[in-house]
Amino acid sequence: MIGVIFDFAGKMVEVRVESNNVLFRTIEFGGALAPIENLRLEYNGVCKEHPDLKDNDNWKKEAIKRFKDKIKSYNTEEEKINYIINDLKKFGYVPTIIQKKGFRPKKL
């Protein structure tokens, strides 16, 4: 298990990778960890990343499937979290803390 806390516009967002599962949580509201299916995806953002989904009625399901397939393509949790960190940096998320396998968190 590897968890990373991101700062995004003053909000703290946690992303946790456990094997092929990626869970998300907004820390301020004490929310539970949720899979990508429970996140609100914006149509314009998805179309920017995947222009071919613009005319697809099932754009959200297809975008989630592509994300899961991408995560499964990596062999280790380390590779998966590095992909997520690099991908979220493009959108203004700043990684601040990382915790691996229950050890003490480290500042990034």
PDB file of N, CA and C in Angstrom:
ATOM      1  N   MET A   1       0.839  -1.165   0.000  1.00  0.00           N
ATOM      2  CA  MET A   1       0.000   0.000   0.000  1.00  0.00           C
ATOM      3  C   MET A   1       0.891   1.238   0.000  1.00  0.00           C
ATOM      4  N   ILE A   2       0.581   2.145  -0.913  1.00  0.00           N
ATOM      5  CA  ILE A   2       1.281   3.422  -0.974  1.00  0.00           C
ATOM      6  C   ILE A   2       0.219   4.513  -1.032  1.00  0.00           C
ATOM      7  N   GLY A   3       0.351   5.500  -0.165  1.00  0.00           N
ATOM      8  CA  GLY A   3      -0.577   6.618  -0.160  1.00  0.00           C
ATOM      9  C   GLY A   3       0.167   7.922  -0.376  1.00  0.00           C
ATOM     10  N   VAL A   4      -0.446   8.819  -1.124  1.00  0.00           N
ATOM     11  CA  VAL A   4       0.129  10.139  -1.376  1.00  0.00           C
ATOM     12  C   VAL A   4      -0.936  11.180  -1.085  1.00  0.00           C
ATOM     13  N   ILE A   5      -0.524  12.231  -0.380  1.00  0.00           N
ATOM     14  CA  ILE A   5      -1.419  13.352  -0.131  1.00  0.00           C
ATOM     15  C   ILE A   5      -0.998  14.494  -1.038  1.00  0.00           C
ATOM     16  N   PHE A   6      -1.983  15.027  -1.757  1.00  0.00           N
ATOM     17  CA  PHE A   6      -1.774  16.134  -2.681  1.00  0.00           C
ATOM     18  C   PHE A   6      -2.442  17.383  -2.132  1.00  0.00           C
ATOM     19  N   ASP A   7      -1.846  18.520  -2.431  1.00  0.00           N
ATOM     20  CA  ASP A   7      -2.480  19.811  -2.157  1.00  0.00           C
ATOM     21  C   ASP A   7      -3.023  20.314  -3.485  1.00  0.00           C
ATOM     22  N   PHE A   8      -4.322  20.603  -3.517  1.00  0.00           N
ATOM     23  CA  PHE A   8      -4.947  21.127  -4.724  1.00  0.00           C
ATOM     24  C   PHE A   8      -5.826  22.308  -4.327  1.00  0.00           C
ATOM     25  N   ALA A   9      -5.329  23.498  -4.626  1.00  0.00           N
ATOM     26  CA  ALA A   9      -6.062  24.738  -4.342  1.00  0.00           C
ATOM     27  C   ALA A   9      -6.479  24.808  -2.875  1.00  0.00           C
ATOM     28  N   GLY A  10      -5.565  24.440  -1.999  1.00  0.00           N
ATOM     29  CA  GLY A  10      -5.825  24.520  -0.567  1.00  0.00           C
ATOM     30  C   GLY A  10      -6.560  23.327   0.011  1.00  0.00           C
ATOM     31  N   LYS A  11      -6.967  22.388  -0.816  1.00  0.00           N
ATOM     32  CA  LYS A  11      -7.638  21.185  -0.342  1.00  0.00           C
ATOM     33  C   LYS A  11      -6.646  20.030  -0.365  1.00  0.00           C
ATOM     34  N   MET A  12      -6.780  19.158   0.618  1.00  0.00           N
ATOM     35  CA  MET A  12      -5.913  17.998   0.696  1.00  0.00           C
ATOM     36  C   MET A  12      -6.654  16.789   0.123  1.00  0.00           C
ATOM     37  N   VAL A  13      -6.017  16.132  -0.836  1.00  0.00           N
ATOM     38  CA  VAL A  13      -6.594  14.966  -1.497  1.00  0.00           C
ATOM     39  C   VAL A  13      -5.633  13.810  -1.327  1.00  0.00           C
ATOM     40  N   GLU A  14      -6.167  12.664  -0.899  1.00  0.00           N
ATOM     41  CA  GLU A  14      -5.333  11.474  -0.729  1.00  0.00           C
ATOM     42  C   GLU A  14      -5.629  10.485  -1.850  1.00  0.00           C
ATOM     43  N   VAL A  15      -4.560   9.905  -2.386  1.00  0.00           N
ATOM     44  CA  VAL A  15      -4.676   8.833  -3.369  1.00  0.00           C
ATOM     45  C   VAL A  15      -3.906   7.646  -2.810  1.00  0.00           C
ATOM     46  N   ARG A  16      -4.574   6.516  -2.756  1.00  0.00           N
ATOM     47  CA  ARG A  16      -3.948   5.312  -2.201  1.00  0.00           C
ATOM     48  C   ARG A  16      -3.975   4.197  -3.235  1.00  0.00           C
ATOM     49  N   VAL A  17      -2.832   3.542  -3.408  1.00  0.00           N
ATOM     50  CA  VAL A  17      -2.714   2.413  -4.336  1.00  0.00           C
ATOM     51  C   VAL A  17      -2.493   1.151  -3.523  1.00  0.00           C
ATOM     52  N   GLU A  18      -3.394   0.193  -3.711  1.00  0.00           N
ATOM     53  CA  GLU A  18      -3.280  -1.125  -3.081  1.00  0.00           C
ATOM     54  C   GLU A  18      -3.422  -2.159  -4.187  1.00  0.00           C
ATOM     55  N   SER A  19      -2.322  -2.733  -4.601  1.00  0.00           N
ATOM     56  CA  SER A  19      -2.290  -3.668  -5.726  1.00  0.00           C
ATOM     57  C   SER A  19      -2.819  -2.959  -6.971  1.00  0.00           C
ATOM     58  N   ASN A  20      -3.933  -3.421  -7.547  1.00  0.00           N
ATOM     59  CA  ASN A  20      -4.491  -2.756  -8.732  1.00  0.00           C
ATOM     60  C   ASN A  20      -5.631  -1.807  -8.379  1.00  0.00           C
ATOM     61  N   ASN A  21      -5.896  -1.621  -7.099  1.00  0.00           N
ATOM     62  CA  ASN A  21      -6.959  -0.724  -6.663  1.00  0.00           C
ATOM     63  C   ASN A  21      -6.394   0.659  -6.382  1.00  0.00           C
ATOM     64  N   VAL A  22      -7.071   1.670  -6.903  1.00  0.00           N
ATOM     65  CA  VAL A  22      -6.702   3.055  -6.635  1.00  0.00           C
ATOM     66  C   VAL A  22      -7.896   3.703  -5.956  1.00  0.00           C
ATOM     67  N   LEU A  23      -7.662   4.247  -4.769  1.00  0.00           N
ATOM     68  CA  LEU A  23      -8.725   4.862  -3.989  1.00  0.00           C
ATOM     69  C   LEU A  23      -8.430   6.341  -3.777  1.00  0.00           C
ATOM     70  N   PHE A  24      -9.487   7.149  -3.717  1.00  0.00           N
ATOM     71  CA  PHE A  24      -9.358   8.596  -3.609  1.00  0.00           C
ATOM     72  C   PHE A  24     -10.161   9.085  -2.407  1.00  0.00           C
ATOM     73  N   ARG A  25      -9.688  10.209  -1.802  1.00  0.00           N
ATOM     74  CA  ARG A  25     -10.410  10.791  -0.676  1.00  0.00           C
ATOM     75  C   ARG A  25     -10.022  12.248  -0.525  1.00  0.00           C
ATOM     76  N   THR A  26     -11.017  13.079  -0.202  1.00  0.00           N
ATOM     77  CA  THR A  26     -10.753  14.460   0.178  1.00  0.00           C
ATOM     78  C   THR A  26     -10.665  14.468   1.695  1.00  0.00           C
ATOM     79  N   ILE A  27      -9.541  14.880   2.220  1.00  0.00           N
ATOM     80  CA  ILE A  27      -9.262  14.740   3.641  1.00  0.00           C
ATOM     81  C   ILE A  27     -10.045  15.731   4.500  1.00  0.00           C
ATOM     82  N   GLU A  28     -10.264  16.956   4.026  1.00  0.00           N
ATOM     83  CA  GLU A  28     -10.915  17.979   4.837  1.00  0.00           C
ATOM     84  C   GLU A  28     -12.265  17.540   5.376  1.00  0.00           C
ATOM     85  N   PHE A  29     -13.008  16.795   4.583  1.00  0.00           N
ATOM     86  CA  PHE A  29     -14.353  16.409   4.978  1.00  0.00           C
ATOM     87  C   PHE A  29     -14.388  15.047   5.650  1.00  0.00           C
ATOM     88  N   GLY A  30     -13.244  14.455   5.863  1.00  0.00           N
ATOM     89  CA  GLY A  30     -13.175  13.164   6.539  1.00  0.00           C
ATOM     90  C   GLY A  30     -13.882  12.063   5.769  1.00  0.00           C
ATOM     91  N   GLY A  31     -13.943  12.211   4.480  1.00  0.00           N
ATOM     92  CA  GLY A  31     -14.643  11.241   3.642  1.00  0.00           C
ATOM     93  C   GLY A  31     -13.959   9.892   3.617  1.00  0.00           C
ATOM     94  N   ALA A  32     -14.720   8.917   3.212  1.00  0.00           N
ATOM     95  CA  ALA A  32     -14.188   7.567   3.075  1.00  0.00           C
ATOM     96  C   ALA A  32     -13.418   7.461   1.766  1.00  0.00           C
ATOM     97  N   LEU A  33     -12.523   6.513   1.713  1.00  0.00           N
ATOM     98  CA  LEU A  33     -11.816   6.240   0.466  1.00  0.00           C
ATOM     99  C   LEU A  33     -12.800   5.676  -0.545  1.00  0.00           C
ATOM    100  N   ALA A  34     -12.710   6.161  -1.764  1.00  0.00           N
ATOM    101  CA  ALA A  34     -13.656   5.752  -2.800  1.00  0.00           C
ATOM    102  C   ALA A  34     -12.908   5.381  -4.074  1.00  0.00           C
ATOM    103  N   PRO A  35     -13.410   4.391  -4.813  1.00  0.00           N
ATOM    104  CA  PRO A  35     -12.805   4.051  -6.102  1.00  0.00           C
ATOM    105  C   PRO A  35     -13.154   5.109  -7.140  1.00  0.00           C
ATOM    106  N   ILE A  36     -12.514   5.026  -8.283  1.00  0.00           N
ATOM    107  CA  ILE A  36     -12.707   6.029  -9.335  1.00  0.00           C
ATOM    108  C   ILE A  36     -14.164   6.072  -9.824  1.00  0.00           C
ATOM    109  N   GLU A  37     -14.887   4.971  -9.721  1.00  0.00           N
ATOM    110  CA  GLU A  37     -16.285   4.959 -10.155  1.00  0.00           C
ATOM    111  C   GLU A  37     -17.138   5.954  -9.371  1.00  0.00           C
ATOM    112  N   ASN A  38     -16.743   6.257  -8.140  1.00  0.00           N
ATOM    113  CA  ASN A  38     -17.525   7.157  -7.293  1.00  0.00           C
ATOM    114  C   ASN A  38     -17.125   8.618  -7.450  1.00  0.00           C
ATOM    115  N   LEU A  39     -16.118   8.902  -8.264  1.00  0.00           N
ATOM    116  CA  LEU A  39     -15.689  10.282  -8.460  1.00  0.00           C
ATOM    117  C   LEU A  39     -16.534  10.964  -9.524  1.00  0.00           C
ATOM    118  N   ARG A  40     -16.635  12.264  -9.394  1.00  0.00           N
ATOM    119  CA  ARG A  40     -17.329  13.056 -10.411  1.00  0.00           C
ATOM    120  C   ARG A  40     -16.299  13.433 -11.471  1.00  0.00           C
ATOM    121  N   LEU A  41     -16.459  12.887 -12.648  1.00  0.00           N
ATOM    122  CA  LEU A  41     -15.559  13.196 -13.753  1.00  0.00           C
ATOM    123  C   LEU A  41     -16.205  14.276 -14.614  1.00  0.00           C
ATOM    124  N   GLU A  42     -15.412  15.232 -15.034  1.00  0.00           N
ATOM    125  CA  GLU A  42     -15.940  16.292 -15.884  1.00  0.00           C
ATOM    126  C   GLU A  42     -15.793  15.902 -17.350  1.00  0.00           C
ATOM    127  N   TYR A  43     -16.861  16.104 -18.084  1.00  0.00           N
ATOM    128  CA  TYR A  43     -16.904  15.742 -19.499  1.00  0.00           C
ATOM    129  C   TYR A  43     -15.790  16.434 -20.278  1.00  0.00           C
ATOM    130  N   ASN A  44     -15.600  17.741 -20.064  1.00  0.00           N
ATOM    131  CA  ASN A  44     -14.576  18.486 -20.806  1.00  0.00           C
ATOM    132  C   ASN A  44     -13.169  17.980 -20.506  1.00  0.00           C
ATOM    133  N   GLY A  45     -12.917  17.640 -19.254  1.00  0.00           N
ATOM    134  CA  GLY A  45     -11.606  17.105 -18.883  1.00  0.00           C
ATOM    135  C   GLY A  45     -11.331  15.753 -19.511  1.00  0.00           C
ATOM    136  N   VAL A  46     -12.345  14.901 -19.526  1.00  0.00           N
ATOM    137  CA  VAL A  46     -12.193  13.580 -20.137  1.00  0.00           C
ATOM    138  C   VAL A  46     -11.958  13.724 -21.636  1.00  0.00           C
ATOM    139  N   CYS A  47     -12.717  14.628 -22.273  1.00  0.00           N
ATOM    140  CA  CYS A  47     -12.558  14.823 -23.726  1.00  0.00           C
ATOM    141  C   CYS A  47     -11.199  15.424 -24.066  1.00  0.00           C
ATOM    142  N   LYS A  48     -10.647  16.204 -23.155  1.00  0.00           N
ATOM    143  CA  LYS A  48      -9.313  16.772 -23.381  1.00  0.00           C
ATOM    144  C   LYS A  48      -8.253  15.668 -23.365  1.00  0.00           C
ATOM    145  N   GLU A  49      -8.395  14.718 -22.443  1.00  0.00           N
ATOM    146  CA  GLU A  49      -7.457  13.605 -22.348  1.00  0.00           C
ATOM    147  C   GLU A  49      -7.704  12.556 -23.428  1.00  0.00           C
ATOM    148  N   HIS A  50      -8.973  12.329 -23.746  1.00  0.00           N
ATOM    149  CA  HIS A  50      -9.360  11.295 -24.717  1.00  0.00           C
ATOM    150  C   HIS A  50     -10.326  11.904 -25.728  1.00  0.00           C
ATOM    151  N   PRO A  51      -9.813  12.587 -26.741  1.00  0.00           N
ATOM    152  CA  PRO A  51     -10.688  13.257 -27.712  1.00  0.00           C
ATOM    153  C   PRO A  51     -11.655  12.315 -28.439  1.00  0.00           C
ATOM    154  N   ASP A  52     -11.297  11.056 -28.560  1.00  0.00           N
ATOM    155  CA  ASP A  52     -12.172  10.110 -29.258  1.00  0.00           C
ATOM    156  C   ASP A  52     -13.450   9.790 -28.488  1.00  0.00           C
ATOM    157  N   LEU A  53     -13.531  10.177 -27.210  1.00  0.00           N
ATOM    158  CA  LEU A  53     -14.730   9.916 -26.413  1.00  0.00           C
ATOM    159  C   LEU A  53     -15.757  11.042 -26.502  1.00  0.00           C
ATOM    160  N   LYS A  54     -15.455  12.060 -27.279  1.00  0.00           N
ATOM    161  CA  LYS A  54     -16.325  13.234 -27.361  1.00  0.00           C
ATOM    162  C   LYS A  54     -17.747  12.872 -27.783  1.00  0.00           C
ATOM    163  N   ASP A  55     -17.903  11.977 -28.726  1.00  0.00           N
ATOM    164  CA  ASP A  55     -19.223  11.603 -29.220  1.00  0.00           C
ATOM    165  C   ASP A  55     -19.734  10.293 -28.639  1.00  0.00           C
ATOM    166  N   ASN A  56     -19.059   9.775 -27.640  1.00  0.00           N
ATOM    167  CA  ASN A  56     -19.431   8.501 -27.036  1.00  0.00           C
ATOM    168  C   ASN A  56     -20.402   8.748 -25.884  1.00  0.00           C
ATOM    169  N   ASP A  57     -21.558   8.090 -25.919  1.00  0.00           N
ATOM    170  CA  ASP A  57     -22.550   8.248 -24.852  1.00  0.00           C
ATOM    171  C   ASP A  57     -22.075   7.647 -23.530  1.00  0.00           C
ATOM    172  N   ASN A  58     -21.202   6.659 -23.606  1.00  0.00           N
ATOM    173  CA  ASN A  58     -20.666   6.009 -22.403  1.00  0.00           C
ATOM    174  C   ASN A  58     -19.258   6.509 -22.097  1.00  0.00           C
ATOM    175  N   TRP A  59     -19.034   7.805 -22.240  1.00  0.00           N
ATOM    176  CA  TRP A  59     -17.699   8.383 -22.080  1.00  0.00           C
ATOM    177  C   TRP A  59     -17.128   8.136 -20.695  1.00  0.00           C
ATOM    178  N   LYS A  60     -17.966   8.212 -19.658  1.00  0.00           N
ATOM    179  CA  LYS A  60     -17.453   8.030 -18.297  1.00  0.00           C
ATOM    180  C   LYS A  60     -16.989   6.590 -18.069  1.00  0.00           C
ATOM    181  N   LYS A  61     -17.800   5.628 -18.464  1.00  0.00           N
ATOM    182  CA  LYS A  61     -17.424   4.216 -18.288  1.00  0.00           C
ATOM    183  C   LYS A  61     -16.156   3.886 -19.060  1.00  0.00           C
ATOM    184  N   GLU A  62     -16.054   4.415 -20.272  1.00  0.00           N
ATOM    185  CA  GLU A  62     -14.871   4.141 -21.098  1.00  0.00           C
ATOM    186  C   GLU A  62     -13.617   4.789 -20.502  1.00  0.00           C
ATOM    187  N   ALA A  63     -13.744   6.004 -19.983  1.00  0.00           N
ATOM    188  CA  ALA A  63     -12.603   6.686 -19.365  1.00  0.00           C
ATOM    189  C   ALA A  63     -12.136   5.918 -18.122  1.00  0.00           C
ATOM    190  N   ILE A  64     -13.069   5.434 -17.329  1.00  0.00           N
ATOM    191  CA  ILE A  64     -12.726   4.644 -16.136  1.00  0.00           C
ATOM    192  C   ILE A  64     -12.046   3.348 -16.545  1.00  0.00           C
ATOM    193  N   LYS A  65     -12.560   2.690 -17.580  1.00  0.00           N
ATOM    194  CA  LYS A  65     -11.946   1.446 -18.071  1.00  0.00           C
ATOM    195  C   LYS A  65     -10.513   1.699 -18.534  1.00  0.00           C
ATOM    196  N   ARG A  66     -10.293   2.785 -19.249  1.00  0.00           N
ATOM    197  CA  ARG A  66      -8.943   3.106 -19.728  1.00  0.00           C
ATOM    198  C   ARG A  66      -8.003   3.384 -18.557  1.00  0.00           C
ATOM    199  N   PHE A  67      -8.492   4.087 -17.530  1.00  0.00           N
ATOM    200  CA  PHE A  67      -7.663   4.356 -16.357  1.00  0.00           C
ATOM    201  C   PHE A  67      -7.272   3.045 -15.676  1.00  0.00           C
ATOM    202  N   LYS A  68      -8.237   2.165 -15.489  1.00  0.00           N
ATOM    203  CA  LYS A  68      -7.958   0.883 -14.832  1.00  0.00           C
ATOM    204  C   LYS A  68      -6.985   0.037 -15.649  1.00  0.00           C
ATOM    205  N   ASP A  69      -7.171   0.031 -16.967  1.00  0.00           N
ATOM    206  CA  ASP A  69      -6.252  -0.723 -17.828  1.00  0.00           C
ATOM    207  C   ASP A  69      -4.841  -0.158 -17.743  1.00  0.00           C
ATOM    208  N   LYS A  70      -4.725   1.158 -17.686  1.00  0.00           N
ATOM    209  CA  LYS A  70      -3.412   1.803 -17.576  1.00  0.00           C
ATOM    210  C   LYS A  70      -2.742   1.413 -16.256  1.00  0.00           C
ATOM    211  N   ILE A  71      -3.504   1.438 -15.167  1.00  0.00           N
ATOM    212  CA  ILE A  71      -2.964   1.057 -13.859  1.00  0.00           C
ATOM    213  C   ILE A  71      -2.509  -0.398 -13.878  1.00  0.00           C
ATOM    214  N   LYS A  72      -3.296  -1.273 -14.471  1.00  0.00           N
ATOM    215  CA  LYS A  72      -2.941  -2.695 -14.523  1.00  0.00           C
ATOM    216  C   LYS A  72      -1.708  -2.950 -15.377  1.00  0.00           C
ATOM    217  N   SER A  73      -1.388  -2.037 -16.288  1.00  0.00           N
ATOM    218  CA  SER A  73      -0.231  -2.229 -17.156  1.00  0.00           C
ATOM    219  C   SER A  73       1.086  -2.070 -16.413  1.00  0.00           C
ATOM    220  N   TYR A  74       1.055  -1.450 -15.238  1.00  0.00           N
ATOM    221  CA  TYR A  74       2.271  -1.298 -14.437  1.00  0.00           C
ATOM    222  C   TYR A  74       2.416  -2.487 -13.503  1.00  0.00           C
ATOM    223  N   ASN A  75       3.668  -2.876 -13.251  1.00  0.00           N
ATOM    224  CA  ASN A  75       3.928  -4.092 -12.471  1.00  0.00           C
ATOM    225  C   ASN A  75       3.921  -3.867 -10.968  1.00  0.00           C
ATOM    226  N   THR A  76       4.424  -2.736 -10.509  1.00  0.00           N
ATOM    227  CA  THR A  76       4.553  -2.522  -9.071  1.00  0.00           C
ATOM    228  C   THR A  76       3.709  -1.329  -8.619  1.00  0.00           C
ATOM    229  N   GLU A  77       3.428  -1.297  -7.326  1.00  0.00           N
ATOM    230  CA  GLU A  77       2.696  -0.159  -6.764  1.00  0.00           C
ATOM    231  C   GLU A  77       3.498   1.128  -6.925  1.00  0.00           C
ATOM    232  N   GLU A  78       4.811   1.021  -6.858  1.00  0.00           N
ATOM    233  CA  GLU A  78       5.688   2.187  -7.028  1.00  0.00           C
ATOM    234  C   GLU A  78       5.512   2.807  -8.428  1.00  0.00           C
ATOM    235  N   GLU A  79       5.484   1.964  -9.449  1.00  0.00           N
ATOM    236  CA  GLU A  79       5.277   2.463 -10.812  1.00  0.00           C
ATOM    237  C   GLU A  79       3.891   3.092 -10.957  1.00  0.00           C
ATOM    238  N   LYS A  80       2.894   2.478 -10.328  1.00  0.00           N
ATOM    239  CA  LYS A  80       1.521   2.981 -10.412  1.00  0.00           C
ATOM    240  C   LYS A  80       1.397   4.349  -9.752  1.00  0.00           C
ATOM    241  N   ILE A  81       1.971   4.505  -8.570  1.00  0.00           N
ATOM    242  CA  ILE A  81       1.853   5.787  -7.873  1.00  0.00           C
ATOM    243  C   ILE A  81       2.663   6.862  -8.586  1.00  0.00           C
ATOM    244  N   ASN A  82       3.801   6.494  -9.176  1.00  0.00           N
ATOM    245  CA  ASN A  82       4.578   7.476  -9.947  1.00  0.00           C
ATOM    246  C   ASN A  82       3.794   7.965 -11.156  1.00  0.00           C
ATOM    247  N   TYR A  83       3.071   7.066 -11.818  1.00  0.00           N
ATOM    248  CA  TYR A  83       2.223   7.467 -12.941  1.00  0.00           C
ATOM    249  C   TYR A  83       1.143   8.443 -12.465  1.00  0.00           C
ATOM    250  N   ILE A  84       0.504   8.128 -11.349  1.00  0.00           N
ATOM    251  CA  ILE A  84      -0.563   8.988 -10.822  1.00  0.00           C
ATOM    252  C   ILE A  84      -0.007  10.349 -10.421  1.00  0.00           C
ATOM    253  N   ILE A  85       1.140  10.364  -9.753  1.00  0.00           N
ATOM    254  CA  ILE A  85       1.757  11.637  -9.347  1.00  0.00           C
ATOM    255  C   ILE A  85       2.049  12.491 -10.575  1.00  0.00           C
ATOM    256  N   ASN A  86       2.694  11.903 -11.567  1.00  0.00           N
ATOM    257  CA  ASN A  86       3.043  12.661 -12.781  1.00  0.00           C
ATOM    258  C   ASN A  86       1.803  13.131 -13.532  1.00  0.00           C
ATOM    259  N   ASP A  87       0.764  12.308 -13.559  1.00  0.00           N
ATOM    260  CA  ASP A  87      -0.458  12.681 -14.266  1.00  0.00           C
ATOM    261  C   ASP A  87      -1.188  13.807 -13.533  1.00  0.00           C
ATOM    262  N   LEU A  88      -1.278  13.729 -12.222  1.00  0.00           N
ATOM    263  CA  LEU A  88      -1.998  14.760 -11.475  1.00  0.00           C
ATOM    264  C   LEU A  88      -1.234  16.083 -11.404  1.00  0.00           C
ATOM    265  N   LYS A  89       0.090  16.022 -11.494  1.00  0.00           N
ATOM    266  CA  LYS A  89       0.882  17.263 -11.506  1.00  0.00           C
ATOM    267  C   LYS A  89       0.478  18.150 -12.678  1.00  0.00           C
ATOM    268  N   LYS A  90       0.115  17.552 -13.806  1.00  0.00           N
ATOM    269  CA  LYS A  90      -0.291  18.319 -14.989  1.00  0.00           C
ATOM    270  C   LYS A  90      -1.516  19.176 -14.709  1.00  0.00           C
ATOM    271  N   PHE A  91      -2.319  18.778 -13.732  1.00  0.00           N
ATOM    272  CA  PHE A  91      -3.571  19.476 -13.442  1.00  0.00           C
ATOM    273  C   PHE A  91      -3.488  20.341 -12.188  1.00  0.00           C
ATOM    274  N   GLY A  92      -2.277  20.545 -11.679  1.00  0.00           N
ATOM    275  CA  GLY A  92      -2.092  21.443 -10.554  1.00  0.00           C
ATOM    276  C   GLY A  92      -2.075  20.791  -9.185  1.00  0.00           C
ATOM    277  N   TYR A  93      -2.109  19.483  -9.119  1.00  0.00           N
ATOM    278  CA  TYR A  93      -2.018  18.785  -7.837  1.00  0.00           C
ATOM    279  C   TYR A  93      -0.544  18.720  -7.435  1.00  0.00           C
ATOM    280  N   VAL A  94      -0.257  19.111  -6.199  1.00  0.00           N
ATOM    281  CA  VAL A  94       1.118  19.126  -5.707  1.00  0.00           C
ATOM    282  C   VAL A  94       1.271  18.033  -4.648  1.00  0.00           C
ATOM    283  N   PRO A  95       2.085  17.008  -4.929  1.00  0.00           N
ATOM    284  CA  PRO A  95       2.287  15.957  -3.926  1.00  0.00           C
ATOM    285  C   PRO A  95       3.065  16.505  -2.738  1.00  0.00           C
ATOM    286  N   THR A  96       2.566  16.258  -1.532  1.00  0.00           N
ATOM    287  CA  THR A  96       3.214  16.798  -0.342  1.00  0.00           C
ATOM    288  C   THR A  96       3.748  15.707   0.591  1.00  0.00           C
ATOM    289  N   ILE A  97       3.024  14.610   0.710  1.00  0.00           N
ATOM    290  CA  ILE A  97       3.411  13.545   1.645  1.00  0.00           C
ATOM    291  C   ILE A  97       3.189  12.192   0.980  1.00  0.00           C
ATOM    292  N   ILE A  98       4.119  11.264   1.228  1.00  0.00           N
ATOM    293  CA  ILE A  98       3.979   9.887   0.738  1.00  0.00           C
ATOM    294  C   ILE A  98       4.186   8.935   1.911  1.00  0.00           C
ATOM    295  N   GLN A  99       3.385   7.874   1.927  1.00  0.00           N
ATOM    296  CA  GLN A  99       3.520   6.853   2.956  1.00  0.00           C
ATOM    297  C   GLN A  99       3.492   5.495   2.277  1.00  0.00           C
ATOM    298  N   LYS A 100       4.488   4.674   2.589  1.00  0.00           N
ATOM    299  CA  LYS A 100       4.593   3.359   1.967  1.00  0.00           C
ATOM    300  C   LYS A 100       4.449   2.262   3.011  1.00  0.00           C
ATOM    301  N   LYS A 101       3.527   1.346   2.758  1.00  0.00           N
ATOM    302  CA  LYS A 101       3.333   0.126   3.550  1.00  0.00           C
ATOM    303  C   LYS A 101       3.261   0.376   5.046  1.00  0.00           C
ATOM    304  N   GLY A 102       2.610   1.444   5.460  1.00  0.00           N
ATOM    305  CA  GLY A 102       2.394   1.705   6.878  1.00  0.00           C
ATOM    306  C   GLY A 102       3.569   2.333   7.604  1.00  0.00           C
ATOM    307  N   PHE A 103       4.674   2.568   6.910  1.00  0.00           N
ATOM    308  CA  PHE A 103       5.808   3.225   7.547  1.00  0.00           C
ATOM    309  C   PHE A 103       5.503   4.710   7.727  1.00  0.00           C
ATOM    310  N   ARG A 104       6.371   5.401   8.407  1.00  0.00           N
ATOM    311  CA  ARG A 104       6.154   6.832   8.649  1.00  0.00           C
ATOM    312  C   ARG A 104       6.040   7.598   7.347  1.00  0.00           C
ATOM    313  N   PRO A 105       5.136   8.574   7.330  1.00  0.00           N
ATOM    314  CA  PRO A 105       5.008   9.415   6.133  1.00  0.00           C
ATOM    315  C   PRO A 105       6.273  10.255   5.915  1.00  0.00           C
ATOM    316  N   LYS A 106       6.578  10.518   4.642  1.00  0.00           N
ATOM    317  CA  LYS A 106       7.717  11.364   4.291  1.00  0.00           C
ATOM    318  C   LYS A 106       7.217  12.552   3.496  1.00  0.00           C
ATOM    319  N   LYS A 107       7.787  13.707   3.768  1.00  0.00           N
ATOM    320  CA  LYS A 107       7.455  14.890   2.980  1.00  0.00           C
ATOM    321  C   LYS A 107       8.154  14.819   1.644  1.00  0.00           C
ATOM    322  N   LEU A 108       7.455  15.282   0.629  1.00  0.00           N
ATOM    323  CA  LEU A 108       8.038  15.292  -0.722  1.00  0.00           C
ATOM    324  C   LEU A 108       8.505  16.691  -1.073  1.00  0.00           C
TER     325      LEU A 108
END
